C-alpha atoms as a PDB file:
ATOM      1  CA  ARG A   1      42.723 -21.633  22.862  1.00  0.00           C
ATOM      2  CA  GLY A   2      43.371 -21.719  19.226  1.00  0.00           C
ATOM      3  CA  ARG A   3      42.999 -18.029  18.931  1.00  0.00           C
ATOM      4  CA  ALA A   4      45.503 -17.603  21.777  1.00  0.00           C
ATOM      5  CA  ARG A   5      47.984 -19.876  20.095  1.00  0.00           C
ATOM      6  CA  ASN A   6      47.926 -17.769  16.889  1.00  0.00           C
ATOM      7  CA  LEU A   7      48.276 -14.583  18.901  1.00  0.00           C
ATOM      8  CA  VAL A   8      51.379 -16.036  20.614  1.00  0.00           C
ATOM      9  CA  LYS A   9      52.712 -16.836  17.152  1.00  0.00           C
ATOM     10  CA  LEU A  10      52.078 -13.474  15.927  1.00  0.00           C
ATOM     11  CA  VAL A  11      53.690 -11.713  18.894  1.00  0.00           C
ATOM     12  CA  ARG A  12      56.786 -13.993  18.549  1.00  0.00           C
ATOM     13  CA  GLY A  13      57.169 -13.079  14.955  1.00  0.00           C
ATOM     14  CA  ILE A  14      57.041  -9.334  15.472  1.00  0.00           C
ATOM     15  CA  ASP A  15      60.768  -7.924  14.975  1.00  0.00           C
ATOM     16  CA  PRO A  16      61.593  -5.781  17.768  1.00  0.00           C
ATOM     17  CA  PHE A  17      64.039  -3.949  15.400  1.00  0.00           C
ATOM     18  CA  SER A  18      61.491  -3.068  12.930  1.00  0.00           C
ATOM     19  CA  GLU A  19      61.558   0.522  14.135  1.00  0.00           C
ATOM     20  CA  ALA A  20      65.198   0.847  13.740  1.00  0.00           C
ATOM     21  CA  ARG A  21      65.082  -0.757  10.273  1.00  0.00           C
ATOM     22  CA  ILE A  22      62.447   1.547   9.156  1.00  0.00           C
ATOM     23  CA  MET A  23      64.381   4.561  10.411  1.00  0.00           C
ATOM     24  CA  LEU A  24      67.549   3.357   8.677  1.00  0.00           C
ATOM     25  CA  LEU A  25      65.748   3.072   5.452  1.00  0.00           C
ATOM     26  CA  GLN A  26      64.443   6.715   5.893  1.00  0.00           C
ATOM     27  CA  ALA A  27      67.913   7.806   6.775  1.00  0.00           C
ATOM     28  CA  LYS A  28      69.443   6.408   3.562  1.00  0.00           C
ATOM     29  CA  GLY A  29      66.885   8.628   1.687  1.00  0.00           C
ATOM     30  CA  ILE A  30      67.702  11.913   3.485  1.00  0.00           C
ATOM     31  CA  ARG A  31      69.481  14.442   1.301  1.00  0.00           C
ATOM     32  CA  ASP A  32      70.237  17.149   3.607  1.00  0.00           C
ATOM     33  CA  SER A  33      72.644  17.456   6.558  1.00  0.00           C
ATOM     34  CA  GLU A  34      70.076  15.698   8.898  1.00  0.00           C
ATOM     35  CA  TRP A  35      71.499  12.365   7.924  1.00  0.00           C
ATOM     36  CA  GLN A  36      73.741  12.278  11.023  1.00  0.00           C
ATOM     37  CA  ALA A  37      70.625  12.914  13.392  1.00  0.00           C
ATOM     38  CA  SER A  38      68.778  10.091  11.629  1.00  0.00           C
ATOM     39  CA  LEU A  39      71.648   7.567  11.998  1.00  0.00           C
ATOM     40  CA  GLU A  40      71.974   8.719  15.693  1.00  0.00           C
ATOM     41  CA  GLU A  41      67.989   7.871  16.162  1.00  0.00           C
ATOM     42  CA  VAL A  42      68.704   4.474  14.589  1.00  0.00           C
ATOM     43  CA  ILE A  43      71.507   3.544  16.961  1.00  0.00           C
ATOM     44  CA  PHE A  44      69.483   4.966  20.010  1.00  0.00           C
ATOM     45  CA  SER A  45      66.472   2.835  18.841  1.00  0.00           C
ATOM     46  CA  ILE A  46      68.838  -0.248  18.683  1.00  0.00           C
ATOM     47  CA  LEU A  47      70.161   0.413  22.254  1.00  0.00           C
ATOM     48  CA  LYS A  48      66.419   1.060  23.561  1.00  0.00           C
ATOM     49  CA  VAL A  49      65.552  -2.558  22.273  1.00  0.00           C
ATOM     50  CA  LEU A  50      68.734  -3.962  23.683  1.00  0.00           C
ATOM     51  CA  LEU A  51      68.435  -2.459  27.069  1.00  0.00           C
ATOM     52  CA  ASP A  52      64.694  -2.297  27.698  1.00  0.00           C
ATOM     53  CA  THR A  53      65.019   1.259  28.387  1.00  0.00           C
ATOM     54  CA  ASN A  54      65.378   4.611  26.867  1.00  0.00           C
ATOM     55  CA  PRO A  55      69.223   5.352  26.548  1.00  0.00           C
ATOM     56  CA  ARG A  56      69.029   8.955  25.396  1.00  0.00           C
ATOM     57  CA  GLY A  57      70.453  11.219  27.978  1.00  0.00           C
ATOM     58  CA  LEU A  58      72.187   8.501  29.992  1.00  0.00           C
ATOM     59  CA  PRO A  59      75.788   8.804  30.726  1.00  0.00           C
ATOM     60  CA  LYS A  60      78.040   6.488  29.055  1.00  0.00           C
ATOM     61  CA  GLN A  61      79.010   4.844  32.291  1.00  0.00           C
ATOM     62  CA  GLU A  62      75.523   4.323  33.104  1.00  0.00           C
ATOM     63  CA  LEU A  63      74.614   2.782  29.676  1.00  0.00           C
ATOM     64  CA  GLU A  64      77.759   0.520  30.020  1.00  0.00           C
ATOM     65  CA  GLU A  65      76.676  -0.812  33.456  1.00  0.00           C
ATOM     66  CA  ASN A  66      73.076  -1.439  32.071  1.00  0.00           C
ATOM     67  CA  TRP A  67      74.869  -3.247  29.193  1.00  0.00           C
ATOM     68  CA  LYS A  68      76.665  -5.602  31.439  1.00  0.00           C
ATOM     69  CA  SER A  69      73.693  -6.223  33.559  1.00  0.00           C
ATOM     70  CA  LYS A  70      71.891  -7.487  30.655  1.00  0.00           C
ATOM     71  CA  GLY A  71      74.965  -9.775  29.534  1.00  0.00           C
ATOM     72  CA  LEU A  72      75.244  -8.500  25.970  1.00  0.00           C
ATOM     73  CA  PRO A  73      78.576  -8.437  24.171  1.00  0.00           C
ATOM     74  CA  ALA A  74      81.206  -5.790  25.109  1.00  0.00           C
ATOM     75  CA  PRO A  75      82.162  -5.417  21.611  1.00  0.00           C
ATOM     76  CA  LEU A  76      78.967  -4.579  20.440  1.00  0.00           C
ATOM     77  CA  PHE A  77      78.621  -1.714  23.073  1.00  0.00           C
ATOM     78  CA  LEU A  78      81.985  -0.352  22.051  1.00  0.00           C
ATOM     79  CA  ARG A  79      80.943  -0.524  18.456  1.00  0.00           C
ATOM     80  CA  ALA A  80      77.496   1.319  19.265  1.00  0.00           C
ATOM     81  CA  SER A  81      79.217   4.038  21.345  1.00  0.00           C
ATOM     82  CA  GLY A  82      82.067   4.599  18.687  1.00  0.00           C
ATOM     83  CA  LEU A  83      79.616   4.991  16.228  1.00  0.00           C
ATOM     84  CA  LEU A  84      77.704   7.646  18.100  1.00  0.00           C
ATOM     85  CA  GLU A  85      80.830   9.489  18.871  1.00  0.00           C
ATOM     86  CA  GLU A  86      81.839   9.393  15.287  1.00  0.00           C
ATOM     87  CA  ILE A  87      78.547  10.834  14.109  1.00  0.00           C
ATOM     88  CA  ASP A  88      78.912  13.454  16.475  1.00  0.00           C
ATOM     89  CA  ARG A  89      82.319  14.280  15.598  1.00  0.00           C
ATOM     90  CA  HIS A  90      81.295  14.787  12.010  1.00  0.00           C
ATOM     91  CA  ARG A  91      78.197  16.480  12.742  1.00  0.00           C
ATOM     92  CA  PHE A  92      79.861  19.235  15.002  1.00  0.00           C
ATOM     93  CA  SER A  93      83.279  19.361  13.190  1.00  0.00           C
ATOM     94  CA  SER A  94      84.619  22.665  12.487  1.00  0.00           C
ATOM     95  CA  GLN A  95      85.899  21.350   9.262  1.00  0.00           C
ATOM     96  CA  LYS A  96      82.969  20.297   7.246  1.00  0.00           C
ATOM     97  CA  LEU A  97      83.259  17.995   4.534  1.00  0.00           C
ATOM     98  CA  THR A  98      81.919  18.661   1.155  1.00  0.00           C
ATOM     99  CA  GLY A  99      80.882  16.775  -1.947  1.00  0.00           C
ATOM    100  CA  SER A 100      82.329  13.478  -2.272  1.00  0.00           C
ATOM    101  CA  GLY A 101      84.075  13.468   1.073  1.00  0.00           C
ATOM    102  CA  THR A 102      80.693  13.845   2.853  1.00  0.00           C
ATOM    103  CA  ASN A 103      79.267  10.956   0.487  1.00  0.00           C
ATOM    104  CA  ASP A 104      81.913   8.770   1.599  1.00  0.00           C
ATOM    105  CA  VAL A 105      81.660   9.373   5.334  1.00  0.00           C
ATOM    106  CA  ARG A 106      77.789   9.095   5.076  1.00  0.00           C
ATOM    107  CA  SER A 107      78.095   5.674   2.961  1.00  0.00           C
ATOM    108  CA  ARG A 108      80.648   4.214   5.593  1.00  0.00           C
ATOM    109  CA  LEU A 109      78.730   5.254   8.735  1.00  0.00           C
ATOM    110  CA  THR A 110      75.447   4.184   7.250  1.00  0.00           C
ATOM    111  CA  LYS A 111      76.723   0.745   6.456  1.00  0.00           C
ATOM    112  CA  GLU A 112      78.408   0.446   9.754  1.00  0.00           C
ATOM    113  CA  THR A 113      75.080   1.272  11.398  1.00  0.00           C
ATOM    114  CA  GLU A 114      73.287  -1.244   9.300  1.00  0.00           C
ATOM    115  CA  SER A 115      75.891  -3.784  10.260  1.00  0.00           C
ATOM    116  CA  LEU A 116      75.434  -2.750  13.996  1.00  0.00           C
ATOM    117  CA  LEU A 117      71.781  -3.493  13.529  1.00  0.00           C
ATOM    118  CA  ILE A 118      72.191  -7.107  12.208  1.00  0.00           C
ATOM    119  CA  GLU A 119      74.646  -7.811  15.025  1.00  0.00           C
ATOM    120  CA  ALA A 120      72.326  -6.337  17.565  1.00  0.00           C
ATOM    121  CA  SER A 121      69.361  -8.537  16.226  1.00  0.00           C
ATOM    122  CA  ILE A 122      71.719 -11.650  16.692  1.00  0.00           C
ATOM    123  CA  ALA A 123      72.644 -10.668  20.192  1.00  0.00           C
ATOM    124  CA  ALA A 124      69.008 -10.082  21.058  1.00  0.00           C
ATOM    125  CA  LYS A 125      68.127 -13.587  20.034  1.00  0.00           C
ATOM    126  CA  LYS A 126      70.921 -14.975  22.222  1.00  0.00           C
ATOM    127  CA  LYS A 127      69.812 -12.950  25.185  1.00  0.00           C
END
């Protein structure tokens, strides 16, 4: 019984967003053009934890329906989907930014993704 209690405490202490946190740290260290894909992976990892399903490939409407069925805050969904759209827009833009413009966008999107991760952690605890 003592071992079972310890195991339960250990399982409760595991951070469901640990994979997203590790991927975010790795994304910060990427120096080439793959940083957008790395940030996208972080956001999909966050959504996967919140929705208990793999969100990749799901239409936006279906994602939103799953989101509502879980009782998660709508502003958080809007923020996550907006970030994904902005990352795609920058990745596939015909007007590629260079130098400090790229660094500014990358820094801002990385900070927003980090903030999304914090808000998602809070929302998951309330769930």
